[in-house]
Amino acid sequence: PLILPMDAQRVGQVLINLLNNAIKFTPAGGVIRVRSDVADDHVVVRVEDSGLGIAPEDLPKLFNRFSQLEAGRRKKTGVGLGLNISKSIIEAHGGRMGVQSEVGKGTTFWFSLPYGQSEAGGESRD
């Protein structure tokens, strides 16, 4: 285990938002995976789905306030703030957030958070 200096409630909010989006846009019988790993001095969490995917031209719009893509407007849920707020939370923790997607093959949202160091300056792995 790694020590992550974070507001667990807020980071949990981010994870719940990403899972809700994956559920919303993955058809019945689809697959949703949550993965985590360590890359350099960050923990990276990925929420992968086998849903509709997102067109390349729509990817830059995803993290804008009040931005909803056509598929989201058809579902009539949300106001387009979830991803914007999620990204702000992650960035406030010193992390990053992004997305990879291919139309018809699914989407992966990811975020990274720096993990803590022990007092001796090494990794904290309790």
C-alpha atoms as a PDB file:
ATOM      1  CA  PRO A   1       0.000   0.000   0.000  1.00  0.00           C
ATOM      2  CA  LEU A   2       1.022   3.589  -0.663  1.00  0.00           C
ATOM      3  CA  ILE A   3       0.257   6.661   1.385  1.00  0.00           C
ATOM      4  CA  LEU A   4      -1.780   9.136  -0.652  1.00  0.00           C
ATOM      5  CA  PRO A   5      -2.153  12.593   0.885  1.00  0.00           C
ATOM      6  CA  MET A   6      -5.696  13.393  -0.199  1.00  0.00           C
ATOM      7  CA  ASP A   7      -9.210  14.306   0.760  1.00  0.00           C
ATOM      8  CA  ALA A   8     -10.631  10.793   0.484  1.00  0.00           C
ATOM      9  CA  GLN A   9     -14.206  12.056   0.205  1.00  0.00           C
ATOM     10  CA  ARG A  10     -13.395  14.284  -2.777  1.00  0.00           C
ATOM     11  CA  VAL A  11     -11.273  11.694  -4.585  1.00  0.00           C
ATOM     12  CA  GLY A  12     -14.066   9.190  -3.912  1.00  0.00           C
ATOM     13  CA  GLN A  13     -16.454  11.675  -5.533  1.00  0.00           C
ATOM     14  CA  VAL A  14     -14.234  11.667  -8.643  1.00  0.00           C
ATOM     15  CA  LEU A  15     -14.185   7.873  -8.802  1.00  0.00           C
ATOM     16  CA  ILE A  16     -17.961   7.672  -8.341  1.00  0.00           C
ATOM     17  CA  ASN A  17     -18.471  10.243 -11.108  1.00  0.00           C
ATOM     18  CA  LEU A  18     -16.281   8.274 -13.516  1.00  0.00           C
ATOM     19  CA  LEU A  19     -18.045   5.017 -12.652  1.00  0.00           C
ATOM     20  CA  ASN A  20     -21.480   6.611 -13.063  1.00  0.00           C
ATOM     21  CA  ASN A  21     -20.480   7.912 -16.493  1.00  0.00           C
ATOM     22  CA  ALA A  22     -19.142   4.497 -17.509  1.00  0.00           C
ATOM     23  CA  ILE A  23     -22.380   2.843 -16.397  1.00  0.00           C
ATOM     24  CA  LYS A  24     -24.470   5.471 -18.166  1.00  0.00           C
ATOM     25  CA  PHE A  25     -22.706   5.042 -21.524  1.00  0.00           C
ATOM     26  CA  THR A  26     -22.015   1.300 -21.539  1.00  0.00           C
ATOM     27  CA  PRO A  27     -24.816  -0.834 -22.983  1.00  0.00           C
ATOM     28  CA  ALA A  28     -26.139  -3.933 -21.227  1.00  0.00           C
ATOM     29  CA  GLY A  29     -23.607  -6.738 -21.482  1.00  0.00           C
ATOM     30  CA  GLY A  30     -20.706  -4.278 -21.702  1.00  0.00           C
ATOM     31  CA  VAL A  31     -17.635  -4.304 -19.493  1.00  0.00           C
ATOM     32  CA  ILE A  32     -16.383  -1.721 -17.002  1.00  0.00           C
ATOM     33  CA  ARG A  33     -12.976  -2.123 -15.371  1.00  0.00           C
ATOM     34  CA  VAL A  34     -11.246  -0.128 -12.657  1.00  0.00           C
ATOM     35  CA  ARG A  35      -7.458  -0.457 -12.619  1.00  0.00           C
ATOM     36  CA  SER A  36      -4.679   1.182 -10.707  1.00  0.00           C
ATOM     37  CA  ASP A  37      -0.920   1.110 -10.923  1.00  0.00           C
ATOM     38  CA  VAL A  38       2.130   3.105  -9.959  1.00  0.00           C
ATOM     39  CA  ALA A  39       3.936   5.213 -12.548  1.00  0.00           C
ATOM     40  CA  ASP A  40       6.990   7.104 -11.333  1.00  0.00           C
ATOM     41  CA  ASP A  41       5.839   8.947  -8.197  1.00  0.00           C
ATOM     42  CA  HIS A  42       2.097   8.807  -8.955  1.00  0.00           C
ATOM     43  CA  VAL A  43      -0.708   6.334  -8.544  1.00  0.00           C
ATOM     44  CA  VAL A  44      -2.753   6.131 -11.743  1.00  0.00           C
ATOM     45  CA  VAL A  45      -6.400   5.066 -11.596  1.00  0.00           C
ATOM     46  CA  ARG A  46      -8.253   4.126 -14.788  1.00  0.00           C
ATOM     47  CA  VAL A  47     -11.951   3.569 -15.366  1.00  0.00           C
ATOM     48  CA  GLU A  48     -12.324   1.695 -18.659  1.00  0.00           C
ATOM     49  CA  ASP A  49     -15.592   0.939 -20.403  1.00  0.00           C
ATOM     50  CA  SER A  50     -16.655  -0.866 -23.555  1.00  0.00           C
ATOM     51  CA  GLY A  51     -19.281   1.743 -24.316  1.00  0.00           C
ATOM     52  CA  LEU A  52     -19.990   4.003 -27.260  1.00  0.00           C
ATOM     53  CA  GLY A  53     -16.669   5.800 -27.313  1.00  0.00           C
ATOM     54  CA  ILE A  54     -16.118   9.478 -27.994  1.00  0.00           C
ATOM     55  CA  ALA A  55     -15.243  11.091 -31.316  1.00  0.00           C
ATOM     56  CA  PRO A  56     -11.772  12.690 -31.412  1.00  0.00           C
ATOM     57  CA  GLU A  57     -13.222  16.138 -32.127  1.00  0.00           C
ATOM     58  CA  ASP A  58     -15.351  15.911 -28.949  1.00  0.00           C
ATOM     59  CA  LEU A  59     -12.540  14.970 -26.560  1.00  0.00           C
ATOM     60  CA  PRO A  60     -11.374  18.583 -25.928  1.00  0.00           C
ATOM     61  CA  LYS A  61     -14.926  19.550 -24.856  1.00  0.00           C
ATOM     62  CA  LEU A  62     -15.240  16.951 -22.102  1.00  0.00           C
ATOM     63  CA  PHE A  63     -13.731  18.892 -19.213  1.00  0.00           C
ATOM     64  CA  ASN A  64     -15.418  22.239 -19.990  1.00  0.00           C
ATOM     65  CA  ARG A  65     -18.027  23.595 -17.590  1.00  0.00           C
ATOM     66  CA  PHE A  66     -21.630  22.922 -18.642  1.00  0.00           C
ATOM     67  CA  SER A  67     -20.410  20.855 -21.577  1.00  0.00           C
ATOM     68  CA  GLN A  68     -22.411  17.820 -22.614  1.00  0.00           C
ATOM     69  CA  LEU A  69     -21.896  15.792 -25.732  1.00  0.00           C
ATOM     70  CA  GLU A  70     -24.871  14.690 -27.804  1.00  0.00           C
ATOM     71  CA  ALA A  71     -25.022  11.256 -26.146  1.00  0.00           C
ATOM     72  CA  GLY A  72     -25.265  12.901 -22.724  1.00  0.00           C
ATOM     73  CA  ARG A  73     -28.019  15.265 -23.822  1.00  0.00           C
ATOM     74  CA  ARG A  74     -30.007  12.291 -25.145  1.00  0.00           C
ATOM     75  CA  LYS A  75     -29.707  10.571 -21.751  1.00  0.00           C
ATOM     76  CA  LYS A  76     -31.097  13.746 -20.112  1.00  0.00           C
ATOM     77  CA  THR A  77     -28.946  13.380 -17.011  1.00  0.00           C
ATOM     78  CA  GLY A  78     -26.577  15.885 -15.492  1.00  0.00           C
ATOM     79  CA  VAL A  79     -25.716  19.431 -16.439  1.00  0.00           C
ATOM     80  CA  GLY A  80     -22.177  18.980 -17.712  1.00  0.00           C
ATOM     81  CA  LEU A  81     -20.241  19.787 -14.549  1.00  0.00           C
ATOM     82  CA  GLY A  82     -19.111  16.358 -13.316  1.00  0.00           C
ATOM     83  CA  LEU A  83     -15.926  16.011 -15.340  1.00  0.00           C
ATOM     84  CA  ASN A  84     -14.983  19.661 -14.855  1.00  0.00           C
ATOM     85  CA  ILE A  85     -15.356  19.372 -11.078  1.00  0.00           C
ATOM     86  CA  SER A  86     -13.556  16.025 -11.053  1.00  0.00           C
ATOM     87  CA  LYS A  87     -10.588  17.433 -12.941  1.00  0.00           C
ATOM     88  CA  SER A  88     -10.443  20.427 -10.586  1.00  0.00           C
ATOM     89  CA  ILE A  89     -10.403  18.114  -7.553  1.00  0.00           C
ATOM     90  CA  ILE A  90      -7.588  16.000  -8.984  1.00  0.00           C
ATOM     91  CA  GLU A  91      -5.535  19.043  -9.977  1.00  0.00           C
ATOM     92  CA  ALA A  92      -6.019  20.534  -6.486  1.00  0.00           C
ATOM     93  CA  HIS A  93      -4.361  17.351  -5.193  1.00  0.00           C
ATOM     94  CA  GLY A  94      -1.354  17.864  -7.488  1.00  0.00           C
ATOM     95  CA  GLY A  95      -2.560  15.262  -9.982  1.00  0.00           C
ATOM     96  CA  ARG A  96      -3.677  15.111 -13.571  1.00  0.00           C
ATOM     97  CA  MET A  97      -6.763  13.788 -15.342  1.00  0.00           C
ATOM     98  CA  GLY A  98      -7.316  12.706 -18.921  1.00  0.00           C
ATOM     99  CA  VAL A  99      -9.230  10.537 -21.330  1.00  0.00           C
ATOM    100  CA  GLN A 100      -8.562   8.127 -24.181  1.00  0.00           C
ATOM    101  CA  SER A 101     -11.356   6.920 -26.416  1.00  0.00           C
ATOM    102  CA  GLU A 102     -12.176   5.277 -29.687  1.00  0.00           C
ATOM    103  CA  VAL A 103     -15.646   5.411 -31.230  1.00  0.00           C
ATOM    104  CA  GLY A 104     -17.343   2.040 -30.972  1.00  0.00           C
ATOM    105  CA  LYS A 105     -14.627   0.598 -28.718  1.00  0.00           C
ATOM    106  CA  GLY A 106     -15.026   2.429 -25.432  1.00  0.00           C
ATOM    107  CA  THR A 107     -13.458   5.052 -23.259  1.00  0.00           C
ATOM    108  CA  THR A 108     -10.863   5.195 -20.513  1.00  0.00           C
ATOM    109  CA  PHE A 109     -10.840   8.069 -18.063  1.00  0.00           C
ATOM    110  CA  TRP A 110      -7.759   8.240 -15.877  1.00  0.00           C
ATOM    111  CA  PHE A 111      -6.365  10.323 -13.085  1.00  0.00           C
ATOM    112  CA  SER A 112      -3.040  10.349 -11.302  1.00  0.00           C
ATOM    113  CA  LEU A 113      -2.225  11.382  -7.758  1.00  0.00           C
ATOM    114  CA  PRO A 114       1.207  11.826  -6.211  1.00  0.00           C
ATOM    115  CA  TYR A 115       1.922   9.449  -3.371  1.00  0.00           C
ATOM    116  CA  GLY A 116       3.575  10.383  -0.105  1.00  0.00           C
ATOM    117  CA  GLN A 117       7.206  10.044   0.780  1.00  0.00           C
ATOM    118  CA  SER A 118       8.504   8.716   4.075  1.00  0.00           C
ATOM    119  CA  GLU A 119      10.352  11.130   6.363  1.00  0.00           C
ATOM    120  CA  ALA A 120      13.645   9.621   5.196  1.00  0.00           C
ATOM    121  CA  GLY A 121      12.756  10.691   1.631  1.00  0.00           C
ATOM    122  CA  GLY A 122      11.973   7.233   0.262  1.00  0.00           C
ATOM    123  CA  GLU A 123       8.677   5.812  -0.883  1.00  0.00           C
ATOM    124  CA  SER A 124       6.057   5.198   1.773  1.00  0.00           C
ATOM    125  CA  ARG A 125       4.899   1.647   1.290  1.00  0.00           C
ATOM    126  CA  ASP A 126       3.405   0.370   4.533  1.00  0.00           C
END
